[in-house]
Each structure stands twice: as structure tokens, then as C-alpha cells.
Amino acid sequence: MDKQILQRYLPSILLIVGIVLVWSARSQSAVPLAGSLQTLLPTYSGFTVKEQTVSAEERKVAGMTDYVARSFWHDTTIAFTTYVGYYDRQTQGKSMHSPRNCLPGAGWEILSTDTALIKMGGQLHVVNKYFLKNGPYQAVVLYWYQGRGRVVASEYAVKWNLLRDAALEGHTEEALVRVVSFVSPDSAVAIASPKQIADAEKLALDVGALLMPQVERVLPKRPAAGAVATTRAELHVGLR
């Protein structure tokens, strides 16, 4: 199939498969965390940490099962924030919202989009990287989706994995992870210098490199391939 045709019809395909997901949502299992989100990056050397609270209304809209949100300050200046929202299962009205859509609604203007790499367990993982502006504030944002043995940046891939796993495995637990690193620009210029942006990006990547394996440790543990094969074999025998 021509690549352009596939890209044109991919949203429609996902929508159709999404309808199937809605009908099969009742059979999904809610999967609890293996550890507490409160253990994720509770401190960062040289910075003061403040807990952030998501309002009841915002939490209702976001639909996450659990979350942790923190801001990290250097003296009286906020340097970066972290957010991890966990969904023990995803159904209609209770699924992850892409920061790509939420950030403009919060007043942020997306100046550029790109990807970055974070290493975990000897493997490089692609994450989303945005450069944003909101009034006098500028920031580098990294975000990714983590769960069911994957770290994914692409929203299309996330949706496809969600629909497939809902149908084949009966569970869709996943976390949205976001790091916002604020740029400290010269007040005389509209946009920060390349060095200032690079410094903010480095801080975000350093934080992300610490956060990603910590998130992996508290996510539900997936059975080894051998264990899955054994379980399926036993199920097959039981149905004979």
C-alpha cells in the first residue's frame, strides 16, 4: 500500500479499531502498580522539591488511576517539573491524553518538535522533545509512554499497541511520563539563546535518564516469555 494512502487512512483505521476496544473494555483487567509512584525521583541534588497537586476536576478529566507531580527549584526559581500519570487500565473516557494536545490548551505555544534518545538498560529509547513558549516562559519538554514492556514516543504506535493489547492480552496498563525543563533567557530577547536551550535540554535528558528506569521498576512486572508459553500450553491442554 502506498505510504501516503496509508497515512491518510490510518486515523480512520484506528477509529474503527477503537470502537472494537470500547465494546471489549469491560473484559479488561485493571493491573496495579508493583511499587509506589512516590518513590520516583523524590530528590535531586542541589534543588528544593515541592509536591504538586492535580485538582479533582483535572484528575477526573485526565482519568489516571494514580500520579506523582513535583517541581524542582533552585533558590527562588523553578528549574524543572516531573509528572508520571499511571492508568491501571484504559477505556473510553479513561485513557492517556497526549501532551501534544494538552499543552496548547494550557497556553503553551509549540515552537518546535523533535525527538531525543534516553538510554535504559543498554538500549536507546526515542522520546518526544518539544520547545515551548508561554508568555515570558520558555521550556524544553520531554515526554513518552511507558508500560507493558515498551517505551514509546509515537502517539500512533501507542494507540495501535493499546488496541492490540486490549484485544489479545486483555490489559492496557500504562504510564505517561513528562519532564519540563524551564529555560532562563535573557530578559532583553524574545527567544533564549541556543546555549540556554541546550542547557535546559541537557537537564531534561539527565532527569529523564534517572526517571525512566525508576518508572520501569514500579510498573507491573510482565511474565517471562517461557512463563507465558507454559501458561498458554496449559490452557490449550485444559481445553482439549
C-alpha atoms as a PDB file:
ATOM      1  CA  MET A   1       0.000   0.000   0.000  1.00  0.00           C
ATOM      2  CA  ASP A   2       1.259   3.470  -0.889  1.00  0.00           C
ATOM      3  CA  LYS A   3       2.697   5.202   2.183  1.00  0.00           C
ATOM      4  CA  GLN A   4       0.710   8.419   1.597  1.00  0.00           C
ATOM      5  CA  ILE A   5      -2.546   6.463   1.289  1.00  0.00           C
ATOM      6  CA  LEU A   6      -1.755   4.577   4.484  1.00  0.00           C
ATOM      7  CA  GLN A   7      -1.073   7.830   6.361  1.00  0.00           C
ATOM      8  CA  ARG A   8      -4.336   9.309   5.045  1.00  0.00           C
ATOM      9  CA  TYR A   9      -6.477   6.410   6.218  1.00  0.00           C
ATOM     10  CA  LEU A  10      -4.576   5.482   9.381  1.00  0.00           C
ATOM     11  CA  PRO A  11      -6.691   7.709  11.695  1.00  0.00           C
ATOM     12  CA  SER A  12      -9.873   6.138  10.300  1.00  0.00           C
ATOM     13  CA  ILE A  13      -8.470   2.656  10.779  1.00  0.00           C
ATOM     14  CA  LEU A  14      -7.565   3.456  14.371  1.00  0.00           C
ATOM     15  CA  LEU A  15     -11.039   4.896  14.952  1.00  0.00           C
ATOM     16  CA  ILE A  16     -12.696   1.711  13.713  1.00  0.00           C
ATOM     17  CA  VAL A  17     -10.456  -0.466  15.820  1.00  0.00           C
ATOM     18  CA  GLY A  18     -11.105   1.926  18.707  1.00  0.00           C
ATOM     19  CA  ILE A  19     -14.814   1.142  18.503  1.00  0.00           C
ATOM     20  CA  VAL A  20     -13.914  -2.511  18.937  1.00  0.00           C
ATOM     21  CA  LEU A  21     -11.882  -1.545  22.010  1.00  0.00           C
ATOM     22  CA  VAL A  22     -14.863   0.272  23.521  1.00  0.00           C
ATOM     23  CA  TRP A  23     -17.020  -2.818  23.142  1.00  0.00           C
ATOM     24  CA  SER A  24     -14.340  -5.059  24.659  1.00  0.00           C
ATOM     25  CA  ALA A  25     -13.387  -2.687  27.503  1.00  0.00           C
ATOM     26  CA  ARG A  26     -15.460  -4.495  30.128  1.00  0.00           C
ATOM     27  CA  SER A  27     -13.276  -7.595  29.831  1.00  0.00           C
ATOM     28  CA  GLN A  28     -10.033  -5.721  30.548  1.00  0.00           C
ATOM     29  CA  SER A  29      -8.188  -6.364  33.783  1.00  0.00           C
ATOM     30  CA  ALA A  30      -7.067  -3.473  35.996  1.00  0.00           C
ATOM     31  CA  VAL A  31      -3.380  -4.062  36.778  1.00  0.00           C
ATOM     32  CA  PRO A  32      -1.979  -2.450  39.945  1.00  0.00           C
ATOM     33  CA  LEU A  33       1.485  -0.948  40.202  1.00  0.00           C
ATOM     34  CA  ALA A  34       4.328  -3.078  41.544  1.00  0.00           C
ATOM     35  CA  GLY A  35       5.630  -0.122  43.573  1.00  0.00           C
ATOM     36  CA  SER A  36       4.708   3.394  44.673  1.00  0.00           C
ATOM     37  CA  LEU A  37       4.902   6.372  42.335  1.00  0.00           C
ATOM     38  CA  GLN A  38       6.018   8.397  45.358  1.00  0.00           C
ATOM     39  CA  THR A  39       9.427   6.693  45.123  1.00  0.00           C
ATOM     40  CA  LEU A  40      10.096   8.250  41.706  1.00  0.00           C
ATOM     41  CA  LEU A  41      12.838  10.901  41.861  1.00  0.00           C
ATOM     42  CA  PRO A  42      11.886  12.209  45.330  1.00  0.00           C
ATOM     43  CA  THR A  43      15.015  14.409  45.418  1.00  0.00           C
ATOM     44  CA  TYR A  44      17.538  15.920  43.013  1.00  0.00           C
ATOM     45  CA  SER A  45      20.888  17.160  44.272  1.00  0.00           C
ATOM     46  CA  GLY A  46      21.089  20.944  44.656  1.00  0.00           C
ATOM     47  CA  PHE A  47      17.359  21.516  44.218  1.00  0.00           C
ATOM     48  CA  THR A  48      14.396  22.015  46.544  1.00  0.00           C
ATOM     49  CA  VAL A  49      11.435  19.758  45.814  1.00  0.00           C
ATOM     50  CA  LYS A  50       7.783  20.760  46.094  1.00  0.00           C
ATOM     51  CA  GLU A  51       4.866  18.377  45.633  1.00  0.00           C
ATOM     52  CA  GLN A  52       2.253  19.428  43.092  1.00  0.00           C
ATOM     53  CA  THR A  53      -1.419  18.528  43.268  1.00  0.00           C
ATOM     54  CA  VAL A  54      -3.775  17.842  40.395  1.00  0.00           C
ATOM     55  CA  SER A  55      -7.250  19.146  41.195  1.00  0.00           C
ATOM     56  CA  ALA A  56     -10.170  16.747  41.456  1.00  0.00           C
ATOM     57  CA  GLU A  57     -11.691  18.209  38.284  1.00  0.00           C
ATOM     58  CA  GLU A  58      -8.422  17.883  36.335  1.00  0.00           C
ATOM     59  CA  ARG A  59      -7.971  14.357  37.618  1.00  0.00           C
ATOM     60  CA  LYS A  60     -11.485  13.470  36.521  1.00  0.00           C
ATOM     61  CA  VAL A  61     -10.739  14.734  33.014  1.00  0.00           C
ATOM     62  CA  ALA A  62      -7.327  13.051  32.836  1.00  0.00           C
ATOM     63  CA  GLY A  63      -8.704   9.805  34.233  1.00  0.00           C
ATOM     64  CA  MET A  64      -5.446   8.467  35.682  1.00  0.00           C
ATOM     65  CA  THR A  65      -5.506   5.887  38.460  1.00  0.00           C
ATOM     66  CA  ASP A  66      -2.516   7.384  40.290  1.00  0.00           C
ATOM     67  CA  TYR A  67       0.039  10.105  39.708  1.00  0.00           C
ATOM     68  CA  VAL A  68       3.031  11.937  41.116  1.00  0.00           C
ATOM     69  CA  ALA A  69       3.884  15.534  40.180  1.00  0.00           C
ATOM     70  CA  ARG A  70       6.809  17.530  41.535  1.00  0.00           C
ATOM     71  CA  SER A  71       8.536  20.848  40.886  1.00  0.00           C
ATOM     72  CA  PHE A  72      12.259  21.328  41.485  1.00  0.00           C
ATOM     73  CA  TRP A  73      13.535  24.740  42.488  1.00  0.00           C
ATOM     74  CA  HIS A  74      16.956  26.383  42.515  1.00  0.00           C
ATOM     75  CA  ASP A  75      16.768  29.138  45.120  1.00  0.00           C
ATOM     76  CA  THR A  76      13.561  31.010  44.180  1.00  0.00           C
ATOM     77  CA  THR A  77      13.475  29.893  40.555  1.00  0.00           C
ATOM     78  CA  ILE A  78      11.687  26.832  39.253  1.00  0.00           C
ATOM     79  CA  ALA A  79      14.099  24.732  37.199  1.00  0.00           C
ATOM     80  CA  PHE A  80      12.064  21.723  36.104  1.00  0.00           C
ATOM     81  CA  THR A  81       8.999  19.627  36.833  1.00  0.00           C
ATOM     82  CA  THR A  82       8.247  15.926  36.604  1.00  0.00           C
ATOM     83  CA  TYR A  83       4.935  14.163  36.132  1.00  0.00           C
ATOM     84  CA  VAL A  84       4.056  10.475  35.952  1.00  0.00           C
ATOM     85  CA  GLY A  85       0.414   9.502  35.494  1.00  0.00           C
ATOM     86  CA  TYR A  86      -0.498   5.819  35.693  1.00  0.00           C
ATOM     87  CA  TYR A  87      -3.571   4.096  34.244  1.00  0.00           C
ATOM     88  CA  ASP A  88      -4.274   0.602  35.580  1.00  0.00           C
ATOM     89  CA  ARG A  89      -6.475   0.089  32.529  1.00  0.00           C
ATOM     90  CA  GLN A  90      -7.596   2.314  29.647  1.00  0.00           C
ATOM     91  CA  THR A  91     -11.168   2.519  28.450  1.00  0.00           C
ATOM     92  CA  GLN A  92     -13.420   5.109  26.832  1.00  0.00           C
ATOM     93  CA  GLY A  93     -13.128   8.291  28.885  1.00  0.00           C
ATOM     94  CA  LYS A  94     -10.225   6.888  30.883  1.00  0.00           C
ATOM     95  CA  SER A  95      -7.152   6.927  28.691  1.00  0.00           C
ATOM     96  CA  MET A  96      -3.968   8.948  28.354  1.00  0.00           C
ATOM     97  CA  HIS A  97      -4.166  12.418  26.845  1.00  0.00           C
ATOM     98  CA  SER A  98      -1.258  13.424  24.645  1.00  0.00           C
ATOM     99  CA  PRO A  99       0.715  16.468  25.890  1.00  0.00           C
ATOM    100  CA  ARG A 100       0.820  17.488  22.228  1.00  0.00           C
ATOM    101  CA  ASN A 101      -2.873  18.318  22.546  1.00  0.00           C
ATOM    102  CA  CYS A 102      -2.981  19.392  26.194  1.00  0.00           C
ATOM    103  CA  LEU A 103      -0.073  21.853  26.236  1.00  0.00           C
ATOM    104  CA  PRO A 104      -1.569  24.351  23.734  1.00  0.00           C
ATOM    105  CA  GLY A 105      -4.771  24.272  25.770  1.00  0.00           C
ATOM    106  CA  ALA A 106      -2.754  25.327  28.810  1.00  0.00           C
ATOM    107  CA  GLY A 107      -1.402  28.378  26.945  1.00  0.00           C
ATOM    108  CA  TRP A 108       1.861  26.938  25.643  1.00  0.00           C
ATOM    109  CA  GLU A 109       2.881  27.717  22.069  1.00  0.00           C
ATOM    110  CA  ILE A 110       4.799  24.898  20.396  1.00  0.00           C
ATOM    111  CA  LEU A 111       7.823  26.456  18.687  1.00  0.00           C
ATOM    112  CA  SER A 112       9.462  23.231  17.519  1.00  0.00           C
ATOM    113  CA  THR A 113       9.034  19.477  17.755  1.00  0.00           C
ATOM    114  CA  ASP A 114      11.686  16.799  17.622  1.00  0.00           C
ATOM    115  CA  THR A 115      12.755  13.577  19.302  1.00  0.00           C
ATOM    116  CA  ALA A 116      15.565  12.696  21.699  1.00  0.00           C
ATOM    117  CA  LEU A 117      17.192   9.491  22.942  1.00  0.00           C
ATOM    118  CA  ILE A 118      17.332   8.203  26.522  1.00  0.00           C
ATOM    119  CA  LYS A 119      19.348   5.125  27.422  1.00  0.00           C
ATOM    120  CA  MET A 120      17.921   2.495  29.759  1.00  0.00           C
ATOM    121  CA  GLY A 121      19.296  -0.981  30.321  1.00  0.00           C
ATOM    122  CA  GLY A 122      21.778  -0.683  27.469  1.00  0.00           C
ATOM    123  CA  GLN A 123      19.057   0.284  24.992  1.00  0.00           C
ATOM    124  CA  LEU A 124      18.296   3.684  23.495  1.00  0.00           C
ATOM    125  CA  HIS A 125      14.665   4.775  23.621  1.00  0.00           C
ATOM    126  CA  VAL A 126      13.107   7.509  21.493  1.00  0.00           C
ATOM    127  CA  VAL A 127      11.129  10.174  23.386  1.00  0.00           C
ATOM    128  CA  ASN A 128       9.316  13.305  22.250  1.00  0.00           C
ATOM    129  CA  LYS A 129      11.090  16.656  22.596  1.00  0.00           C
ATOM    130  CA  TYR A 130       9.230  19.972  22.312  1.00  0.00           C
ATOM    131  CA  PHE A 131      10.399  23.555  22.667  1.00  0.00           C
ATOM    132  CA  LEU A 132       7.587  25.709  24.063  1.00  0.00           C
ATOM    133  CA  LYS A 133       6.816  29.321  24.898  1.00  0.00           C
ATOM    134  CA  ASN A 134       4.135  30.720  27.203  1.00  0.00           C
ATOM    135  CA  GLY A 135       4.396  34.477  27.634  1.00  0.00           C
ATOM    136  CA  PRO A 136       7.857  35.152  29.118  1.00  0.00           C
ATOM    137  CA  TYR A 137       8.395  31.470  29.910  1.00  0.00           C
ATOM    138  CA  GLN A 138      10.203  29.042  27.642  1.00  0.00           C
ATOM    139  CA  ALA A 139      10.759  25.355  28.222  1.00  0.00           C
ATOM    140  CA  VAL A 140      12.049  22.115  26.793  1.00  0.00           C
ATOM    141  CA  VAL A 141       9.592  19.272  27.296  1.00  0.00           C
ATOM    142  CA  LEU A 142      10.333  15.564  27.069  1.00  0.00           C
ATOM    143  CA  TYR A 143       7.535  13.022  27.253  1.00  0.00           C
ATOM    144  CA  TRP A 144       6.938   9.384  26.490  1.00  0.00           C
ATOM    145  CA  TYR A 145       4.584   6.481  27.167  1.00  0.00           C
ATOM    146  CA  GLN A 146       5.876   3.576  29.235  1.00  0.00           C
ATOM    147  CA  GLY A 147       4.283   0.264  30.051  1.00  0.00           C
ATOM    148  CA  ARG A 148       3.638  -3.337  29.025  1.00  0.00           C
ATOM    149  CA  GLY A 149       7.350  -3.755  28.302  1.00  0.00           C
ATOM    150  CA  ARG A 150       7.656  -0.741  25.985  1.00  0.00           C
ATOM    151  CA  VAL A 151       8.852   2.848  25.887  1.00  0.00           C
ATOM    152  CA  VAL A 152       7.073   4.635  23.025  1.00  0.00           C
ATOM    153  CA  ALA A 153       7.071   8.186  21.669  1.00  0.00           C
ATOM    154  CA  SER A 154       4.678   7.937  18.695  1.00  0.00           C
ATOM    155  CA  GLU A 155       1.014   8.536  19.509  1.00  0.00           C
ATOM    156  CA  TYR A 156       0.004   6.318  16.576  1.00  0.00           C
ATOM    157  CA  ALA A 157       2.157   3.464  17.882  1.00  0.00           C
ATOM    158  CA  VAL A 158       0.727   3.953  21.380  1.00  0.00           C
ATOM    159  CA  LYS A 159      -2.847   3.712  20.093  1.00  0.00           C
ATOM    160  CA  TRP A 160      -2.078   0.675  17.973  1.00  0.00           C
ATOM    161  CA  ASN A 161      -0.366  -1.108  20.878  1.00  0.00           C
ATOM    162  CA  LEU A 162      -3.274  -0.196  23.138  1.00  0.00           C
ATOM    163  CA  LEU A 163      -5.880  -1.625  20.780  1.00  0.00           C
ATOM    164  CA  ARG A 164      -3.883  -4.763  20.056  1.00  0.00           C
ATOM    165  CA  ASP A 165      -3.090  -5.496  23.698  1.00  0.00           C
ATOM    166  CA  ALA A 166      -6.692  -4.850  24.747  1.00  0.00           C
ATOM    167  CA  ALA A 167      -7.856  -7.430  22.224  1.00  0.00           C
ATOM    168  CA  LEU A 168      -5.111 -10.034  22.632  1.00  0.00           C
ATOM    169  CA  GLU A 169      -3.998  -9.694  26.249  1.00  0.00           C
ATOM    170  CA  GLY A 170      -6.973  -8.107  27.971  1.00  0.00           C
ATOM    171  CA  HIS A 171      -4.998  -5.413  29.796  1.00  0.00           C
ATOM    172  CA  THR A 172      -3.815  -1.917  28.870  1.00  0.00           C
ATOM    173  CA  GLU A 173      -1.942  -0.532  31.891  1.00  0.00           C
ATOM    174  CA  GLU A 174       0.487   2.277  31.006  1.00  0.00           C
ATOM    175  CA  ALA A 175       2.164   5.430  32.285  1.00  0.00           C
ATOM    176  CA  LEU A 176       2.597   8.872  30.754  1.00  0.00           C
ATOM    177  CA  VAL A 177       5.935  10.396  31.779  1.00  0.00           C
ATOM    178  CA  ARG A 178       6.761  14.086  31.297  1.00  0.00           C
ATOM    179  CA  VAL A 179       9.728  16.309  32.165  1.00  0.00           C
ATOM    180  CA  VAL A 180       9.522  20.093  31.719  1.00  0.00           C
ATOM    181  CA  SER A 181      12.851  21.947  31.915  1.00  0.00           C
ATOM    182  CA  PHE A 182      12.496  25.742  32.031  1.00  0.00           C
ATOM    183  CA  VAL A 183      14.847  27.952  30.060  1.00  0.00           C
ATOM    184  CA  SER A 184      16.332  31.033  31.712  1.00  0.00           C
ATOM    185  CA  PRO A 185      16.516  33.518  28.827  1.00  0.00           C
ATOM    186  CA  ASP A 186      17.954  36.991  28.756  1.00  0.00           C
ATOM    187  CA  SER A 187      15.010  39.297  29.504  1.00  0.00           C
ATOM    188  CA  ALA A 188      16.084  41.502  26.598  1.00  0.00           C
ATOM    189  CA  VAL A 189      15.444  38.813  23.961  1.00  0.00           C
ATOM    190  CA  ALA A 190      12.255  37.131  22.834  1.00  0.00           C
ATOM    191  CA  ILE A 191      13.772  33.678  22.431  1.00  0.00           C
ATOM    192  CA  ALA A 192      16.544  32.152  24.528  1.00  0.00           C
ATOM    193  CA  SER A 193      19.995  31.636  23.057  1.00  0.00           C
ATOM    194  CA  PRO A 194      20.997  28.237  21.626  1.00  0.00           C
ATOM    195  CA  LYS A 195      23.209  27.651  24.674  1.00  0.00           C
ATOM    196  CA  GLN A 196      20.388  28.369  27.105  1.00  0.00           C
ATOM    197  CA  ILE A 197      18.107  25.988  25.239  1.00  0.00           C
ATOM    198  CA  ALA A 198      20.853  23.349  25.094  1.00  0.00           C
ATOM    199  CA  ASP A 199      21.405  23.659  28.864  1.00  0.00           C
ATOM    200  CA  ALA A 200      17.682  23.191  29.510  1.00  0.00           C
ATOM    201  CA  GLU A 201      17.616  20.200  27.182  1.00  0.00           C
ATOM    202  CA  LYS A 202      20.613  18.609  28.920  1.00  0.00           C
ATOM    203  CA  LEU A 203      18.921  18.991  32.306  1.00  0.00           C
ATOM    204  CA  ALA A 204      15.736  17.405  30.935  1.00  0.00           C
ATOM    205  CA  LEU A 205      17.694  14.478  29.470  1.00  0.00           C
ATOM    206  CA  ASP A 206      19.645  13.956  32.703  1.00  0.00           C
ATOM    207  CA  VAL A 207      16.397  13.895  34.672  1.00  0.00           C
ATOM    208  CA  GLY A 208      14.746  11.624  32.106  1.00  0.00           C
ATOM    209  CA  ALA A 209      17.652   9.176  32.269  1.00  0.00           C
ATOM    210  CA  LEU A 210      17.103   8.863  36.023  1.00  0.00           C
ATOM    211  CA  LEU A 211      13.331   8.743  35.832  1.00  0.00           C
ATOM    212  CA  MET A 212      12.846   6.156  33.084  1.00  0.00           C
ATOM    213  CA  PRO A 213      14.406   3.151  34.910  1.00  0.00           C
ATOM    214  CA  GLN A 214      12.709   4.192  38.150  1.00  0.00           C
ATOM    215  CA  VAL A 215       9.333   4.143  36.389  1.00  0.00           C
ATOM    216  CA  GLU A 216      10.168   0.721  34.960  1.00  0.00           C
ATOM    217  CA  ARG A 217      10.795  -0.628  38.476  1.00  0.00           C
ATOM    218  CA  VAL A 218       7.352   0.373  39.800  1.00  0.00           C
ATOM    219  CA  LEU A 219       5.374  -0.733  36.745  1.00  0.00           C
ATOM    220  CA  PRO A 220       3.653  -4.141  36.809  1.00  0.00           C
ATOM    221  CA  LYS A 221       6.039  -6.979  36.068  1.00  0.00           C
ATOM    222  CA  ARG A 222       5.454  -8.863  32.850  1.00  0.00           C
ATOM    223  CA  PRO A 223       5.883 -12.649  32.856  1.00  0.00           C
ATOM    224  CA  ALA A 224       8.910 -14.115  31.110  1.00  0.00           C
ATOM    225  CA  ALA A 225       8.366 -15.478  27.620  1.00  0.00           C
ATOM    226  CA  GLY A 226       8.733 -19.051  28.894  1.00  0.00           C
ATOM    227  CA  ALA A 227       6.118 -18.485  31.571  1.00  0.00           C
ATOM    228  CA  VAL A 228       3.675 -17.109  29.021  1.00  0.00           C
ATOM    229  CA  ALA A 229       4.289 -20.061  26.723  1.00  0.00           C
ATOM    230  CA  THR A 230       3.727 -22.510  29.577  1.00  0.00           C
ATOM    231  CA  THR A 231       0.503 -20.811  30.609  1.00  0.00           C
ATOM    232  CA  ARG A 232      -0.835 -20.898  27.063  1.00  0.00           C
ATOM    233  CA  ALA A 233       0.196 -24.546  26.694  1.00  0.00           C
ATOM    234  CA  GLU A 234      -1.596 -25.434  29.928  1.00  0.00           C
ATOM    235  CA  LEU A 235      -4.670 -23.542  28.779  1.00  0.00           C
ATOM    236  CA  HIS A 236      -4.641 -25.432  25.490  1.00  0.00           C
ATOM    237  CA  VAL A 237      -4.401 -28.776  27.296  1.00  0.00           C
ATOM    238  CA  GLY A 238      -7.253 -27.793  29.574  1.00  0.00           C
ATOM    239  CA  LEU A 239      -9.494 -27.084  26.590  1.00  0.00           C
ATOM    240  CA  ARG A 240      -8.852 -30.441  24.914  1.00  0.00           C
END
